[in-house]
Amino acid sequence: MADFAPRSIDTRHSLTYHLLGGAGVLSRLAFEIETRPESELTNDDRVGYVGYVIGAITESVSALETETWEILHHGPGNHLGSGGFDQQARDFLRPLAELIDGQDVLSRFATILHLLNRPPLCRGRQPWQDAGLLVRLRNEIVHYKSRWGAEYERKNLMAALEKQRLPKAPFYSAGLEFFPHRPQRVKSSLGGRHCRSRNRRLLFARQHTFAS
């Protein structure tokens, strides 16, 4: 009887889609709380609102982080499956992955595009500007430091958030410090409904650029 070598099948999961989708769900939950009368809100609603907003922001940026790692290690087009990725680009990028991983997430996109001789995504234009603001906001939250209001007012990030001119969450009084209370709706919009689509534009631009 002939001997047959054992066979195995391995799989991996791409998380980008779920992170973007999760950011949208969390943002929708936050928006539902925003639109309810303040008299109906419970303490759990207020606590949950902040959690939904923070989750939407962190998941949006995690989608960018995840996508750059997958491009570096599995090649452009890896989201299309084994028959759709660019094997030649993967083999070129993989030895450089550790070095490029040391850059910030948007610089990773720029480096990858440059190395593959693809048209660049311009740093001073959309969607780069909004994605950059989102990353800065995520960093401020993940590495949150309880500062006095006057200290936050001097931070460039706060000025950039105020320039968005988005409505403030209705159930925070004007007397509270600007961050993290007053820009909650700003963060909700950046983190979910608006920035999810902005991140998608960045990722879709990336996919289109790599396919050109």
C-alpha atoms as a PDB file:
ATOM      1  CA  MET A   1       0.000   0.000   0.000  1.00  0.00           C
ATOM      2  CA  ALA A   2       1.360   3.429  -0.978  1.00  0.00           C
ATOM      3  CA  ASP A   3       2.303   5.855   1.781  1.00  0.00           C
ATOM      4  CA  PHE A   4       0.741   9.303   1.606  1.00  0.00           C
ATOM      5  CA  ALA A   5       2.316  12.305   3.286  1.00  0.00           C
ATOM      6  CA  PRO A   6      -0.026  14.021   5.756  1.00  0.00           C
ATOM      7  CA  ARG A   7      -1.614  17.201   4.442  1.00  0.00           C
ATOM      8  CA  SER A   8      -2.637  20.245   6.395  1.00  0.00           C
ATOM      9  CA  ILE A   9      -4.519  23.429   5.663  1.00  0.00           C
ATOM     10  CA  ASP A  10      -3.772  26.700   7.374  1.00  0.00           C
ATOM     11  CA  THR A  11      -5.856  29.864   7.409  1.00  0.00           C
ATOM     12  CA  ARG A  12      -5.547  33.451   8.537  1.00  0.00           C
ATOM     13  CA  HIS A  13      -8.053  36.219   9.161  1.00  0.00           C
ATOM     14  CA  SER A  14      -7.979  39.797   7.876  1.00  0.00           C
ATOM     15  CA  LEU A  15      -9.407  42.112  10.536  1.00  0.00           C
ATOM     16  CA  THR A  16      -9.539  45.443   8.659  1.00  0.00           C
ATOM     17  CA  TYR A  17     -13.153  45.118   7.521  1.00  0.00           C
ATOM     18  CA  HIS A  18     -14.394  44.178  10.983  1.00  0.00           C
ATOM     19  CA  LEU A  19     -12.514  47.027  12.651  1.00  0.00           C
ATOM     20  CA  LEU A  20     -14.032  49.578  10.292  1.00  0.00           C
ATOM     21  CA  GLY A  21     -17.465  48.000  10.671  1.00  0.00           C
ATOM     22  CA  GLY A  22     -17.106  47.939  14.450  1.00  0.00           C
ATOM     23  CA  ALA A  23     -16.189  51.638  14.480  1.00  0.00           C
ATOM     24  CA  GLY A  24     -19.370  52.354  12.574  1.00  0.00           C
ATOM     25  CA  VAL A  25     -21.506  50.347  15.006  1.00  0.00           C
ATOM     26  CA  LEU A  26     -19.990  52.071  18.037  1.00  0.00           C
ATOM     27  CA  SER A  27     -20.418  55.483  16.462  1.00  0.00           C
ATOM     28  CA  ARG A  28     -24.065  54.740  15.724  1.00  0.00           C
ATOM     29  CA  LEU A  29     -24.620  53.753  19.351  1.00  0.00           C
ATOM     30  CA  ALA A  30     -23.027  57.015  20.473  1.00  0.00           C
ATOM     31  CA  PHE A  31     -25.149  58.988  18.020  1.00  0.00           C
ATOM     32  CA  GLU A  32     -28.319  57.384  19.351  1.00  0.00           C
ATOM     33  CA  ILE A  33     -27.439  58.622  22.832  1.00  0.00           C
ATOM     34  CA  GLU A  34     -26.637  62.098  21.495  1.00  0.00           C
ATOM     35  CA  THR A  35     -30.094  62.434  19.963  1.00  0.00           C
ATOM     36  CA  ARG A  36     -32.066  61.384  23.049  1.00  0.00           C
ATOM     37  CA  PRO A  37     -33.481  63.990  25.466  1.00  0.00           C
ATOM     38  CA  GLU A  38     -31.034  64.691  28.261  1.00  0.00           C
ATOM     39  CA  SER A  39     -33.737  64.034  30.865  1.00  0.00           C
ATOM     40  CA  GLU A  40     -33.956  60.408  29.698  1.00  0.00           C
ATOM     41  CA  LEU A  41     -30.235  59.664  29.980  1.00  0.00           C
ATOM     42  CA  THR A  42     -28.989  57.485  32.791  1.00  0.00           C
ATOM     43  CA  ASN A  43     -25.492  57.387  34.234  1.00  0.00           C
ATOM     44  CA  ASP A  44     -24.916  54.151  32.309  1.00  0.00           C
ATOM     45  CA  ASP A  45     -25.820  56.017  29.095  1.00  0.00           C
ATOM     46  CA  ARG A  46     -23.245  58.712  29.801  1.00  0.00           C
ATOM     47  CA  VAL A  47     -20.537  56.208  30.696  1.00  0.00           C
ATOM     48  CA  GLY A  48     -21.430  54.047  27.715  1.00  0.00           C
ATOM     49  CA  TYR A  49     -21.340  57.051  25.408  1.00  0.00           C
ATOM     50  CA  VAL A  50     -17.737  57.820  26.248  1.00  0.00           C
ATOM     51  CA  GLY A  51     -16.843  54.142  25.818  1.00  0.00           C
ATOM     52  CA  TYR A  52     -18.536  53.975  22.401  1.00  0.00           C
ATOM     53  CA  VAL A  53     -16.698  57.091  21.222  1.00  0.00           C
ATOM     54  CA  ILE A  54     -13.314  55.870  22.430  1.00  0.00           C
ATOM     55  CA  GLY A  55     -13.938  52.460  20.858  1.00  0.00           C
ATOM     56  CA  ALA A  56     -14.877  54.005  17.514  1.00  0.00           C
ATOM     57  CA  ILE A  57     -11.683  56.041  17.440  1.00  0.00           C
ATOM     58  CA  THR A  58      -9.350  53.230  18.471  1.00  0.00           C
ATOM     59  CA  GLU A  59     -10.911  50.713  16.074  1.00  0.00           C
ATOM     60  CA  SER A  60     -10.649  53.155  13.158  1.00  0.00           C
ATOM     61  CA  VAL A  61      -6.932  53.645  13.726  1.00  0.00           C
ATOM     62  CA  SER A  62      -6.437  49.930  14.380  1.00  0.00           C
ATOM     63  CA  ALA A  63      -7.841  49.302  10.896  1.00  0.00           C
ATOM     64  CA  LEU A  64      -5.073  51.446   9.403  1.00  0.00           C
ATOM     65  CA  GLU A  65      -2.443  49.706  11.536  1.00  0.00           C
ATOM     66  CA  THR A  66      -3.720  46.260  10.586  1.00  0.00           C
ATOM     67  CA  GLU A  67      -3.847  47.044   6.885  1.00  0.00           C
ATOM     68  CA  THR A  68      -0.264  48.294   6.661  1.00  0.00           C
ATOM     69  CA  TRP A  69       0.995  45.177   8.474  1.00  0.00           C
ATOM     70  CA  GLU A  70      -0.896  42.892   6.094  1.00  0.00           C
ATOM     71  CA  ILE A  71       0.486  44.704   3.054  1.00  0.00           C
ATOM     72  CA  LEU A  72       4.035  44.373   4.354  1.00  0.00           C
ATOM     73  CA  HIS A  73       3.760  40.691   5.275  1.00  0.00           C
ATOM     74  CA  HIS A  74       1.215  39.356   2.787  1.00  0.00           C
ATOM     75  CA  GLY A  75       1.472  41.782  -0.115  1.00  0.00           C
ATOM     76  CA  PRO A  76      -0.905  44.199  -1.837  1.00  0.00           C
ATOM     77  CA  GLY A  77      -4.201  42.591  -2.757  1.00  0.00           C
ATOM     78  CA  ASN A  78      -3.959  40.121   0.134  1.00  0.00           C
ATOM     79  CA  HIS A  79      -7.603  40.885   0.949  1.00  0.00           C
ATOM     80  CA  LEU A  80      -8.537  39.256  -2.381  1.00  0.00           C
ATOM     81  CA  GLY A  81      -7.303  35.844  -1.281  1.00  0.00           C
ATOM     82  CA  SER A  82      -4.488  33.623  -2.496  1.00  0.00           C
ATOM     83  CA  GLY A  83      -5.355  34.262  -6.142  1.00  0.00           C
ATOM     84  CA  GLY A  84      -5.390  38.046  -5.897  1.00  0.00           C
ATOM     85  CA  PHE A  85      -2.319  39.216  -4.016  1.00  0.00           C
ATOM     86  CA  ASP A  86       0.835  40.616  -5.600  1.00  0.00           C
ATOM     87  CA  GLN A  87       3.452  37.986  -4.792  1.00  0.00           C
ATOM     88  CA  GLN A  88       6.326  39.926  -6.336  1.00  0.00           C
ATOM     89  CA  ALA A  89       5.566  43.011  -4.223  1.00  0.00           C
ATOM     90  CA  ARG A  90       5.179  40.838  -1.127  1.00  0.00           C
ATOM     91  CA  ASP A  91       8.582  39.247  -1.622  1.00  0.00           C
ATOM     92  CA  PHE A  92      10.120  42.696  -2.109  1.00  0.00           C
ATOM     93  CA  LEU A  93       8.518  44.252   0.984  1.00  0.00           C
ATOM     94  CA  ARG A  94       8.810  41.386   3.451  1.00  0.00           C
ATOM     95  CA  PRO A  95      12.573  41.766   4.202  1.00  0.00           C
ATOM     96  CA  LEU A  96      11.938  45.464   4.930  1.00  0.00           C
ATOM     97  CA  ALA A  97       8.855  44.892   7.097  1.00  0.00           C
ATOM     98  CA  GLU A  98      10.586  45.183  10.473  1.00  0.00           C
ATOM     99  CA  LEU A  99      12.265  48.459   9.504  1.00  0.00           C
ATOM    100  CA  ILE A 100       9.072  49.992   8.087  1.00  0.00           C
ATOM    101  CA  ASP A 101       7.034  48.830  11.084  1.00  0.00           C
ATOM    102  CA  GLY A 102       9.014  51.284  13.193  1.00  0.00           C
ATOM    103  CA  GLN A 103       7.403  54.246  11.424  1.00  0.00           C
ATOM    104  CA  ASP A 104       4.079  55.846  12.291  1.00  0.00           C
ATOM    105  CA  VAL A 105       1.137  54.354  10.429  1.00  0.00           C
ATOM    106  CA  LEU A 106       0.686  57.042   7.769  1.00  0.00           C
ATOM    107  CA  SER A 107       4.432  57.166   7.085  1.00  0.00           C
ATOM    108  CA  ARG A 108       4.225  53.404   6.528  1.00  0.00           C
ATOM    109  CA  PHE A 109       1.702  53.986   3.761  1.00  0.00           C
ATOM    110  CA  ALA A 110       3.967  56.625   2.204  1.00  0.00           C
ATOM    111  CA  THR A 111       7.040  54.368   2.392  1.00  0.00           C
ATOM    112  CA  ILE A 112       5.259  51.378   0.880  1.00  0.00           C
ATOM    113  CA  LEU A 113       3.921  53.454  -2.010  1.00  0.00           C
ATOM    114  CA  HIS A 114       7.385  54.915  -2.627  1.00  0.00           C
ATOM    115  CA  LEU A 115       9.132  51.534  -2.568  1.00  0.00           C
ATOM    116  CA  LEU A 116       6.629  50.059  -5.015  1.00  0.00           C
ATOM    117  CA  ASN A 117       6.908  53.101  -7.298  1.00  0.00           C
ATOM    118  CA  ARG A 118       3.221  53.932  -6.940  1.00  0.00           C
ATOM    119  CA  PRO A 119       1.614  57.381  -7.024  1.00  0.00           C
ATOM    120  CA  PRO A 120       1.840  58.957  -3.552  1.00  0.00           C
ATOM    121  CA  LEU A 121      -0.966  59.923  -1.191  1.00  0.00           C
ATOM    122  CA  CYS A 122      -0.264  63.601  -0.535  1.00  0.00           C
ATOM    123  CA  ARG A 123       0.375  64.493   3.107  1.00  0.00           C
ATOM    124  CA  GLY A 124      -1.205  67.933   2.889  1.00  0.00           C
ATOM    125  CA  ARG A 125      -4.465  66.781   1.321  1.00  0.00           C
ATOM    126  CA  GLN A 126      -7.436  64.570   2.095  1.00  0.00           C
ATOM    127  CA  PRO A 127      -7.829  61.850   3.183  1.00  0.00           C
ATOM    128  CA  TRP A 128      -4.358  62.121   4.750  1.00  0.00           C
ATOM    129  CA  GLN A 129      -5.235  65.182   6.854  1.00  0.00           C
ATOM    130  CA  ASP A 130      -8.296  63.657   8.526  1.00  0.00           C
ATOM    131  CA  ALA A 131      -6.592  60.313   9.067  1.00  0.00           C
ATOM    132  CA  GLY A 132      -3.643  62.123  10.650  1.00  0.00           C
ATOM    133  CA  LEU A 133      -5.944  63.995  13.023  1.00  0.00           C
ATOM    134  CA  LEU A 134      -7.645  60.747  13.973  1.00  0.00           C
ATOM    135  CA  VAL A 135      -4.312  59.068  14.758  1.00  0.00           C
ATOM    136  CA  ARG A 136      -3.273  62.012  16.957  1.00  0.00           C
ATOM    137  CA  LEU A 137      -6.585  61.846  18.796  1.00  0.00           C
ATOM    138  CA  ARG A 138      -6.241  58.088  19.313  1.00  0.00           C
ATOM    139  CA  ASN A 139      -2.775  58.588  20.754  1.00  0.00           C
ATOM    140  CA  GLU A 140      -4.035  61.274  23.129  1.00  0.00           C
ATOM    141  CA  ILE A 141      -6.743  58.920  24.399  1.00  0.00           C
ATOM    142  CA  VAL A 142      -4.685  55.723  24.616  1.00  0.00           C
ATOM    143  CA  HIS A 143      -1.919  57.579  26.459  1.00  0.00           C
ATOM    144  CA  TYR A 144      -4.331  59.842  28.302  1.00  0.00           C
ATOM    145  CA  LYS A 145      -2.889  62.195  30.915  1.00  0.00           C
ATOM    146  CA  SER A 146      -5.189  64.047  33.293  1.00  0.00           C
ATOM    147  CA  ARG A 147      -4.148  67.636  32.643  1.00  0.00           C
ATOM    148  CA  TRP A 148      -5.693  70.935  33.722  1.00  0.00           C
ATOM    149  CA  GLY A 149      -7.974  72.556  31.160  1.00  0.00           C
ATOM    150  CA  ALA A 150      -5.559  75.422  30.497  1.00  0.00           C
ATOM    151  CA  GLU A 151      -2.804  72.937  29.651  1.00  0.00           C
ATOM    152  CA  TYR A 152      -4.974  71.218  27.052  1.00  0.00           C
ATOM    153  CA  GLU A 153      -5.970  74.515  25.494  1.00  0.00           C
ATOM    154  CA  ARG A 154      -2.327  75.089  24.593  1.00  0.00           C
ATOM    155  CA  LYS A 155      -2.045  71.787  22.713  1.00  0.00           C
ATOM    156  CA  ASN A 156      -2.100  71.977  18.903  1.00  0.00           C
ATOM    157  CA  LEU A 157      -4.371  68.941  18.780  1.00  0.00           C
ATOM    158  CA  MET A 158      -7.131  70.779  20.628  1.00  0.00           C
ATOM    159  CA  ALA A 159      -6.951  73.660  18.167  1.00  0.00           C
ATOM    160  CA  ALA A 160      -7.205  71.215  15.273  1.00  0.00           C
ATOM    161  CA  LEU A 161     -10.273  69.585  16.843  1.00  0.00           C
ATOM    162  CA  GLU A 162     -11.984  72.923  17.396  1.00  0.00           C
ATOM    163  CA  LYS A 163     -11.447  73.804  13.731  1.00  0.00           C
ATOM    164  CA  GLN A 164     -13.674  70.858  12.779  1.00  0.00           C
ATOM    165  CA  ARG A 165     -16.652  73.014  13.901  1.00  0.00           C
ATOM    166  CA  LEU A 166     -18.765  69.973  14.717  1.00  0.00           C
ATOM    167  CA  PRO A 167     -21.576  70.215  17.298  1.00  0.00           C
ATOM    168  CA  LYS A 168     -20.693  69.417  20.886  1.00  0.00           C
ATOM    169  CA  ALA A 169     -22.411  66.641  22.779  1.00  0.00           C
ATOM    170  CA  PRO A 170     -25.572  68.220  24.204  1.00  0.00           C
ATOM    171  CA  PHE A 171     -25.333  66.861  27.735  1.00  0.00           C
ATOM    172  CA  TYR A 172     -21.981  68.340  28.743  1.00  0.00           C
ATOM    173  CA  SER A 173     -22.045  71.755  30.377  1.00  0.00           C
ATOM    174  CA  ALA A 174     -20.024  74.627  28.967  1.00  0.00           C
ATOM    175  CA  GLY A 175     -18.062  74.873  32.214  1.00  0.00           C
ATOM    176  CA  LEU A 176     -16.247  71.567  31.754  1.00  0.00           C
ATOM    177  CA  GLU A 177     -12.723  71.543  30.364  1.00  0.00           C
ATOM    178  CA  PHE A 178     -12.530  71.155  26.602  1.00  0.00           C
ATOM    179  CA  PHE A 179     -10.826  67.743  26.630  1.00  0.00           C
ATOM    180  CA  PRO A 180     -12.035  65.075  27.057  1.00  0.00           C
ATOM    181  CA  HIS A 181     -15.598  66.282  27.694  1.00  0.00           C
ATOM    182  CA  ARG A 182     -16.603  68.931  25.215  1.00  0.00           C
ATOM    183  CA  PRO A 183     -15.227  67.396  21.992  1.00  0.00           C
ATOM    184  CA  GLN A 184     -17.134  64.136  22.518  1.00  0.00           C
ATOM    185  CA  ARG A 185     -19.310  64.652  19.464  1.00  0.00           C
ATOM    186  CA  VAL A 186     -16.267  65.785  17.542  1.00  0.00           C
ATOM    187  CA  LYS A 187     -14.646  62.484  18.479  1.00  0.00           C
ATOM    188  CA  SER A 188     -17.815  60.579  17.675  1.00  0.00           C
ATOM    189  CA  SER A 189     -17.909  62.055  14.204  1.00  0.00           C
ATOM    190  CA  LEU A 190     -14.199  61.639  13.578  1.00  0.00           C
ATOM    191  CA  GLY A 191     -14.108  58.155  15.030  1.00  0.00           C
ATOM    192  CA  GLY A 192     -17.106  56.629  13.345  1.00  0.00           C
ATOM    193  CA  ARG A 193     -19.605  58.025  10.883  1.00  0.00           C
ATOM    194  CA  HIS A 194     -17.171  60.425   9.231  1.00  0.00           C
ATOM    195  CA  CYS A 195     -13.749  58.980   9.859  1.00  0.00           C
ATOM    196  CA  ARG A 196     -14.763  55.424   9.052  1.00  0.00           C
ATOM    197  CA  SER A 197     -15.619  56.664   5.557  1.00  0.00           C
ATOM    198  CA  ARG A 198     -12.414  58.728   5.488  1.00  0.00           C
ATOM    199  CA  ASN A 199     -10.355  55.707   6.446  1.00  0.00           C
ATOM    200  CA  ARG A 200     -12.152  53.701   3.803  1.00  0.00           C
ATOM    201  CA  ARG A 201     -11.247  56.357   1.239  1.00  0.00           C
ATOM    202  CA  LEU A 202      -7.623  56.106   2.351  1.00  0.00           C
ATOM    203  CA  LEU A 203      -7.682  52.303   2.181  1.00  0.00           C
ATOM    204  CA  PHE A 204      -9.563  52.258  -1.129  1.00  0.00           C
ATOM    205  CA  ALA A 205      -7.135  54.815  -2.542  1.00  0.00           C
ATOM    206  CA  ARG A 206      -4.363  52.506  -1.424  1.00  0.00           C
ATOM    207  CA  GLN A 207      -5.973  49.509  -3.079  1.00  0.00           C
ATOM    208  CA  HIS A 208      -6.576  51.440  -6.305  1.00  0.00           C
ATOM    209  CA  THR A 209      -3.008  52.768  -6.260  1.00  0.00           C
ATOM    210  CA  PHE A 210      -1.474  49.327  -5.758  1.00  0.00           C
ATOM    211  CA  ALA A 211      -3.631  47.913  -8.538  1.00  0.00           C
ATOM    212  CA  SER A 212      -2.625  50.602 -11.063  1.00  0.00           C
END
